[in-house]
Amino acid sequence: MNHIHGHEVMHMMANSGLSYSRDSLRTAIHEQFGAETTYFTCSSEILSADQLMDFLQSKGNTNCTSKESI
C-alpha cells in the first residue's frame, strides 16, 4: 500500500490550476495516487483521502469557498 505525504496532494492541486469540489478532489486524489493509498502529514499519520481533505481544510491549505468546495 502506498503512503503519501499530504504535500504531494497539495502540489497536485496547485499544479492542476483547477478548483475542486470535495467529490472532484477525492476523485483526482484516487486517480493520481490510488484509492487504497493512505496519507500522512507532519503531525498526523495513516489518513484516508477524506481525512486528509479535512485536515488540509482545517489548516487553511485549500481554497475552500464552502463546505462542499475545496
PDB file of N, CA and C in Angstrom:
ATOM      1  N   MET A   1       0.850  -1.178   0.000  1.00  0.00           N
ATOM      2  CA  MET A   1       0.000   0.000   0.000  1.00  0.00           C
ATOM      3  C   MET A   1       0.898   1.245   0.000  1.00  0.00           C
ATOM      4  N   ASN A   2       0.506   2.229  -0.784  1.00  0.00           N
ATOM      5  CA  ASN A   2       1.253   3.485  -0.831  1.00  0.00           C
ATOM      6  C   ASN A   2       0.922   4.352   0.369  1.00  0.00           C
ATOM      7  N   HIS A   3       1.905   5.114   0.803  1.00  0.00           N
ATOM      8  CA  HIS A   3       1.759   6.033   1.931  1.00  0.00           C
ATOM      9  C   HIS A   3       2.386   7.354   1.471  1.00  0.00           C
ATOM     10  N   ILE A   4       1.572   8.377   1.227  1.00  0.00           N
ATOM     11  CA  ILE A   4       1.989   9.610   0.574  1.00  0.00           C
ATOM     12  C   ILE A   4       1.866  10.792   1.528  1.00  0.00           C
ATOM     13  N   HIS A   5       2.845  11.703   1.494  1.00  0.00           N
ATOM     14  CA  HIS A   5       2.771  12.914   2.315  1.00  0.00           C
ATOM     15  C   HIS A   5       1.725  13.859   1.736  1.00  0.00           C
ATOM     16  N   GLY A   6       1.006  14.532   2.603  1.00  0.00           N
ATOM     17  CA  GLY A   6      -0.030  15.477   2.200  1.00  0.00           C
ATOM     18  C   GLY A   6       0.466  16.568   1.271  1.00  0.00           C
ATOM     19  N   HIS A   7       1.764  16.909   1.366  1.00  0.00           N
ATOM     20  CA  HIS A   7       2.318  17.923   0.463  1.00  0.00           C
ATOM     21  C   HIS A   7       2.200  17.500  -0.996  1.00  0.00           C
ATOM     22  N   GLU A   8       2.261  16.196  -1.256  1.00  0.00           N
ATOM     23  CA  GLU A   8       2.121  15.712  -2.634  1.00  0.00           C
ATOM     24  C   GLU A   8       0.732  16.022  -3.185  1.00  0.00           C
ATOM     25  N   VAL A   9      -0.276  15.903  -2.339  1.00  0.00           N
ATOM     26  CA  VAL A   9      -1.640  16.250  -2.755  1.00  0.00           C
ATOM     27  C   VAL A   9      -1.741  17.753  -2.979  1.00  0.00           C
ATOM     28  N   MET A  10      -1.134  18.534  -2.099  1.00  0.00           N
ATOM     29  CA  MET A  10      -1.153  19.992  -2.271  1.00  0.00           C
ATOM     30  C   MET A  10      -0.453  20.392  -3.568  1.00  0.00           C
ATOM     31  N   HIS A  11       0.653  19.742  -3.893  1.00  0.00           N
ATOM     32  CA  HIS A  11       1.358  20.020  -5.154  1.00  0.00           C
ATOM     33  C   HIS A  11       0.482  19.661  -6.349  1.00  0.00           C
ATOM     34  N   MET A  12      -0.190  18.517  -6.260  1.00  0.00           N
ATOM     35  CA  MET A  12      -1.084  18.107  -7.340  1.00  0.00           C
ATOM     36  C   MET A  12      -2.160  19.158  -7.573  1.00  0.00           C
ATOM     37  N   MET A  13      -2.754  19.654  -6.474  1.00  0.00           N
ATOM     38  CA  MET A  13      -3.799  20.662  -6.582  1.00  0.00           C
ATOM     39  C   MET A  13      -3.256  21.951  -7.196  1.00  0.00           C
ATOM     40  N   ALA A  14      -2.121  22.393  -6.722  1.00  0.00           N
ATOM     41  CA  ALA A  14      -1.537  23.645  -7.214  1.00  0.00           C
ATOM     42  C   ALA A  14      -1.144  23.543  -8.681  1.00  0.00           C
ATOM     43  N   ASN A  15      -0.567  22.417  -9.056  1.00  0.00           N
ATOM     44  CA  ASN A  15      -0.106  22.236 -10.431  1.00  0.00           C
ATOM     45  C   ASN A  15      -1.248  22.072 -11.423  1.00  0.00           C
ATOM     46  N   SER A  16      -2.399  21.641 -10.958  1.00  0.00           N
ATOM     47  CA  SER A  16      -3.525  21.414 -11.868  1.00  0.00           C
ATOM     48  C   SER A  16      -4.169  22.730 -12.310  1.00  0.00           C
ATOM     49  N   GLY A  17      -4.105  23.747 -11.447  1.00  0.00           N
ATOM     50  CA  GLY A  17      -4.764  25.015 -11.764  1.00  0.00           C
ATOM     51  C   GLY A  17      -6.279  24.941 -11.709  1.00  0.00           C
ATOM     52  N   LEU A  18      -6.818  23.854 -11.157  1.00  0.00           N
ATOM     53  CA  LEU A  18      -8.263  23.654 -11.101  1.00  0.00           C
ATOM     54  C   LEU A  18      -8.825  24.022  -9.736  1.00  0.00           C
ATOM     55  N   SER A  19     -10.115  24.310  -9.697  1.00  0.00           N
ATOM     56  CA  SER A  19     -10.860  24.395  -8.442  1.00  0.00           C
ATOM     57  C   SER A  19     -11.545  23.053  -8.261  1.00  0.00           C
ATOM     58  N   TYR A  20     -11.585  22.594  -7.053  1.00  0.00           N
ATOM     59  CA  TYR A  20     -12.138  21.276  -6.772  1.00  0.00           C
ATOM     60  C   TYR A  20     -13.323  21.368  -5.834  1.00  0.00           C
ATOM     61  N   SER A  21     -14.348  20.578  -6.117  1.00  0.00           N
ATOM     62  CA  SER A  21     -15.352  20.272  -5.106  1.00  0.00           C
ATOM     63  C   SER A  21     -14.760  19.143  -4.276  1.00  0.00           C
ATOM     64  N   ARG A  22     -15.369  18.832  -3.185  1.00  0.00           N
ATOM     65  CA  ARG A  22     -14.860  17.733  -2.363  1.00  0.00           C
ATOM     66  C   ARG A  22     -14.856  16.427  -3.163  1.00  0.00           C
ATOM     67  N   ASP A  23     -15.923  16.183  -3.899  1.00  0.00           N
ATOM     68  CA  ASP A  23     -16.011  14.946  -4.687  1.00  0.00           C
ATOM     69  C   ASP A  23     -14.979  14.911  -5.806  1.00  0.00           C
ATOM     70  N   SER A  24     -14.801  16.040  -6.500  1.00  0.00           N
ATOM     71  CA  SER A  24     -13.829  16.030  -7.605  1.00  0.00           C
ATOM     72  C   SER A  24     -12.405  15.918  -7.086  1.00  0.00           C
ATOM     73  N   LEU A  25     -12.128  16.481  -5.898  1.00  0.00           N
ATOM     74  CA  LEU A  25     -10.795  16.331  -5.324  1.00  0.00           C
ATOM     75  C   LEU A  25     -10.550  14.886  -4.919  1.00  0.00           C
ATOM     76  N   ARG A  26     -11.544  14.263  -4.311  1.00  0.00           N
ATOM     77  CA  ARG A  26     -11.404  12.850  -3.931  1.00  0.00           C
ATOM     78  C   ARG A  26     -11.113  12.005  -5.168  1.00  0.00           C
ATOM     79  N   THR A  27     -11.847  12.261  -6.247  1.00  0.00           N
ATOM     80  CA  THR A  27     -11.637  11.524  -7.495  1.00  0.00           C
ATOM     81  C   THR A  27     -10.227  11.753  -8.032  1.00  0.00           C
ATOM     82  N   ALA A  28      -9.774  13.007  -8.032  1.00  0.00           N
ATOM     83  CA  ALA A  28      -8.430  13.331  -8.529  1.00  0.00           C
ATOM     84  C   ALA A  28      -7.353  12.666  -7.679  1.00  0.00           C
ATOM     85  N   ILE A  29      -7.533  12.673  -6.365  1.00  0.00           N
ATOM     86  CA  ILE A  29      -6.573  12.030  -5.464  1.00  0.00           C
ATOM     87  C   ILE A  29      -6.513  10.533  -5.760  1.00  0.00           C
ATOM     88  N   HIS A  30      -7.674   9.910  -5.891  1.00  0.00           N
ATOM     89  CA  HIS A  30      -7.705   8.464  -6.149  1.00  0.00           C
ATOM     90  C   HIS A  30      -7.102   8.137  -7.505  1.00  0.00           C
ATOM     91  N   GLU A  31      -7.359   8.971  -8.515  1.00  0.00           N
ATOM     92  CA  GLU A  31      -6.786   8.729  -9.841  1.00  0.00           C
ATOM     93  C   GLU A  31      -5.264   8.909  -9.834  1.00  0.00           C
ATOM     94  N   GLN A  32      -4.791   9.909  -9.101  1.00  0.00           N
ATOM     95  CA  GLN A  32      -3.355  10.209  -9.072  1.00  0.00           C
ATOM     96  C   GLN A  32      -2.572   9.220  -8.205  1.00  0.00           C
ATOM     97  N   PHE A  33      -3.115   8.908  -7.032  1.00  0.00           N
ATOM     98  CA  PHE A  33      -2.347   8.150  -6.040  1.00  0.00           C
ATOM     99  C   PHE A  33      -2.895   6.752  -5.749  1.00  0.00           C
ATOM    100  N   GLY A  34      -4.123   6.479  -6.156  1.00  0.00           N
ATOM    101  CA  GLY A  34      -4.739   5.182  -5.903  1.00  0.00           C
ATOM    102  C   GLY A  34      -5.741   5.236  -4.765  1.00  0.00           C
ATOM    103  N   ALA A  35      -6.824   4.501  -4.933  1.00  0.00           N
ATOM    104  CA  ALA A  35      -7.913   4.532  -3.952  1.00  0.00           C
ATOM    105  C   ALA A  35      -7.520   3.933  -2.602  1.00  0.00           C
ATOM    106  N   GLU A  36      -6.535   3.061  -2.587  1.00  0.00           N
ATOM    107  CA  GLU A  36      -6.120   2.402  -1.340  1.00  0.00           C
ATOM    108  C   GLU A  36      -4.969   3.117  -0.636  1.00  0.00           C
ATOM    109  N   THR A  37      -4.487   4.193  -1.211  1.00  0.00           N
ATOM    110  CA  THR A  37      -3.358   4.923  -0.633  1.00  0.00           C
ATOM    111  C   THR A  37      -3.770   5.578   0.677  1.00  0.00           C
ATOM    112  N   THR A  38      -2.843   5.595   1.632  1.00  0.00           N
ATOM    113  CA  THR A  38      -3.034   6.366   2.860  1.00  0.00           C
ATOM    114  C   THR A  38      -2.071   7.547   2.827  1.00  0.00           C
ATOM    115  N   TYR A  39      -2.334   8.516   3.690  1.00  0.00           N
ATOM    116  CA  TYR A  39      -1.601   9.781   3.664  1.00  0.00           C
ATOM    117  C   TYR A  39      -1.101  10.109   5.059  1.00  0.00           C
ATOM    118  N   PHE A  40      -0.061  10.923   5.099  1.00  0.00           N
ATOM    119  CA  PHE A  40       0.453  11.402   6.376  1.00  0.00           C
ATOM    120  C   PHE A  40       0.840  12.859   6.219  1.00  0.00           C
ATOM    121  N   THR A  41       0.944  13.536   7.354  1.00  0.00           N
ATOM    122  CA  THR A  41       1.396  14.924   7.399  1.00  0.00           C
ATOM    123  C   THR A  41       2.473  15.013   8.463  1.00  0.00           C
ATOM    124  N   CYS A  42       2.962  16.202   8.673  1.00  0.00           N
ATOM    125  CA  CYS A  42       3.988  16.383   9.710  1.00  0.00           C
ATOM    126  C   CYS A  42       3.457  16.052  11.105  1.00  0.00           C
ATOM    127  N   SER A  43       2.136  16.137  11.276  1.00  0.00           N
ATOM    128  CA  SER A  43       1.565  15.907  12.606  1.00  0.00           C
ATOM    129  C   SER A  43       0.567  14.754  12.674  1.00  0.00           C
ATOM    130  N   SER A  44       0.276  14.105  11.554  1.00  0.00           N
ATOM    131  CA  SER A  44      -0.706  13.015  11.538  1.00  0.00           C
ATOM    132  C   SER A  44      -0.225  11.891  10.637  1.00  0.00           C
ATOM    133  N   GLU A  45      -0.650  10.682  10.964  1.00  0.00           N
ATOM    134  CA  GLU A  45      -0.287   9.528  10.146  1.00  0.00           C
ATOM    135  C   GLU A  45      -1.516   8.692   9.827  1.00  0.00           C
ATOM    136  N   ILE A  46      -1.425   7.923   8.778  1.00  0.00           N
ATOM    137  CA  ILE A  46      -2.429   6.965   8.332  1.00  0.00           C
ATOM    138  C   ILE A  46      -3.804   7.627   8.193  1.00  0.00           C
ATOM    139  N   LEU A  47      -3.875   8.565   7.270  1.00  0.00           N
ATOM    140  CA  LEU A  47      -5.123   9.257   6.966  1.00  0.00           C
ATOM    141  C   LEU A  47      -5.692   8.726   5.656  1.00  0.00           C
ATOM    142  N   SER A  48      -7.012   8.662   5.585  1.00  0.00           N
ATOM    143  CA  SER A  48      -7.671   8.381   4.311  1.00  0.00           C
ATOM    144  C   SER A  48      -7.675   9.684   3.497  1.00  0.00           C
ATOM    145  N   ALA A  49      -8.071   9.602   2.244  1.00  0.00           N
ATOM    146  CA  ALA A  49      -8.173  10.815   1.420  1.00  0.00           C
ATOM    147  C   ALA A  49      -9.152  11.804   2.059  1.00  0.00           C
ATOM    148  N   ASP A  50     -10.283  11.327   2.556  1.00  0.00           N
ATOM    149  CA  ASP A  50     -11.252  12.217   3.193  1.00  0.00           C
ATOM    150  C   ASP A  50     -10.691  12.860   4.451  1.00  0.00           C
ATOM    151  N   GLN A  51      -9.977  12.097   5.257  1.00  0.00           N
ATOM    152  CA  GLN A  51      -9.366  12.652   6.461  1.00  0.00           C
ATOM    153  C   GLN A  51      -8.299  13.682   6.104  1.00  0.00           C
ATOM    154  N   LEU A  52      -7.542  13.422   5.046  1.00  0.00           N
ATOM    155  CA  LEU A  52      -6.540  14.384   4.603  1.00  0.00           C
ATOM    156  C   LEU A  52      -7.215  15.669   4.132  1.00  0.00           C
ATOM    157  N   MET A  53      -8.299  15.560   3.374  1.00  0.00           N
ATOM    158  CA  MET A  53      -9.016  16.757   2.927  1.00  0.00           C
ATOM    159  C   MET A  53      -9.512  17.552   4.128  1.00  0.00           C
ATOM    160  N   ASP A  54     -10.052  16.880   5.138  1.00  0.00           N
ATOM    161  CA  ASP A  54     -10.498  17.566   6.360  1.00  0.00           C
ATOM    162  C   ASP A  54      -9.328  18.270   7.036  1.00  0.00           C
ATOM    163  N   PHE A  55      -8.197  17.581   7.132  1.00  0.00           N
ATOM    164  CA  PHE A  55      -7.008  18.152   7.765  1.00  0.00           C
ATOM    165  C   PHE A  55      -6.541  19.390   7.012  1.00  0.00           C
ATOM    166  N   LEU A  56      -6.410  19.288   5.691  1.00  0.00           N
ATOM    167  CA  LEU A  56      -5.940  20.430   4.899  1.00  0.00           C
ATOM    168  C   LEU A  56      -6.903  21.607   5.008  1.00  0.00           C
ATOM    169  N   GLN A  57      -8.184  21.321   4.986  1.00  0.00           N
ATOM    170  CA  GLN A  57      -9.173  22.387   5.106  1.00  0.00           C
ATOM    171  C   GLN A  57      -9.088  23.050   6.477  1.00  0.00           C
ATOM    172  N   SER A  58      -8.881  22.278   7.524  1.00  0.00           N
ATOM    173  CA  SER A  58      -8.788  22.847   8.877  1.00  0.00           C
ATOM    174  C   SER A  58      -7.557  23.729   9.045  1.00  0.00           C
ATOM    175  N   LYS A  59      -6.520  23.454   8.268  1.00  0.00           N
ATOM    176  CA  LYS A  59      -5.288  24.238   8.328  1.00  0.00           C
ATOM    177  C   LYS A  59      -5.284  25.402   7.349  1.00  0.00           C
ATOM    178  N   GLY A  60      -6.363  25.542   6.579  1.00  0.00           N
ATOM    179  CA  GLY A  60      -6.439  26.624   5.608  1.00  0.00           C
ATOM    180  C   GLY A  60      -5.564  26.399   4.391  1.00  0.00           C
ATOM    181  N   ASN A  61      -5.229  25.156   4.099  1.00  0.00           N
ATOM    182  CA  ASN A  61      -4.348  24.841   2.976  1.00  0.00           C
ATOM    183  C   ASN A  61      -5.106  24.487   1.711  1.00  0.00           C
ATOM    184  N   THR A  62      -6.338  24.931   1.625  1.00  0.00           N
ATOM    185  CA  THR A  62      -7.115  24.750   0.405  1.00  0.00           C
ATOM    186  C   THR A  62      -7.808  26.065   0.107  1.00  0.00           C
ATOM    187  N   ASN A  63      -8.240  26.242  -1.103  1.00  0.00           N
ATOM    188  CA  ASN A  63      -9.018  27.418  -1.490  1.00  0.00           C
ATOM    189  C   ASN A  63     -10.491  27.079  -1.330  1.00  0.00           C
ATOM    190  N   CYS A  64     -10.896  26.915  -0.106  1.00  0.00           N
ATOM    191  CA  CYS A  64     -12.247  26.479   0.183  1.00  0.00           C
ATOM    192  C   CYS A  64     -13.187  27.682   0.227  1.00  0.00           C
ATOM    193  N   THR A  65     -14.234  27.631  -0.575  1.00  0.00           N
ATOM    194  CA  THR A  65     -15.230  28.694  -0.551  1.00  0.00           C
ATOM    195  C   THR A  65     -16.478  28.266   0.166  1.00  0.00           C
ATOM    196  N   SER A  66     -16.667  26.992   0.357  1.00  0.00           N
ATOM    197  CA  SER A  66     -17.807  26.464   1.119  1.00  0.00           C
ATOM    198  C   SER A  66     -17.422  25.086   1.614  1.00  0.00           C
ATOM    199  N   LYS A  67     -18.302  24.517   2.444  1.00  0.00           N
ATOM    200  CA  LYS A  67     -18.022  23.181   2.962  1.00  0.00           C
ATOM    201  C   LYS A  67     -17.991  22.156   1.835  1.00  0.00           C
ATOM    202  N   GLU A  68     -18.694  22.422   0.747  1.00  0.00           N
ATOM    203  CA  GLU A  68     -18.740  21.500  -0.371  1.00  0.00           C
ATOM    204  C   GLU A  68     -17.560  21.667  -1.317  1.00  0.00           C
ATOM    205  N   SER A  69     -16.901  22.820  -1.308  1.00  0.00           N
ATOM    206  CA  SER A  69     -15.808  23.074  -2.231  1.00  0.00           C
ATOM    207  C   SER A  69     -14.479  23.063  -1.511  1.00  0.00           C
ATOM    208  N   ILE A  70     -13.490  22.576  -2.200  1.00  0.00           N
ATOM    209  CA  ILE A  70     -12.128  22.571  -1.648  1.00  0.00           C
ATOM    210  C   ILE A  70     -11.215  23.166  -2.670  1.00  0.00           C
TER     211      ILE A  70
END
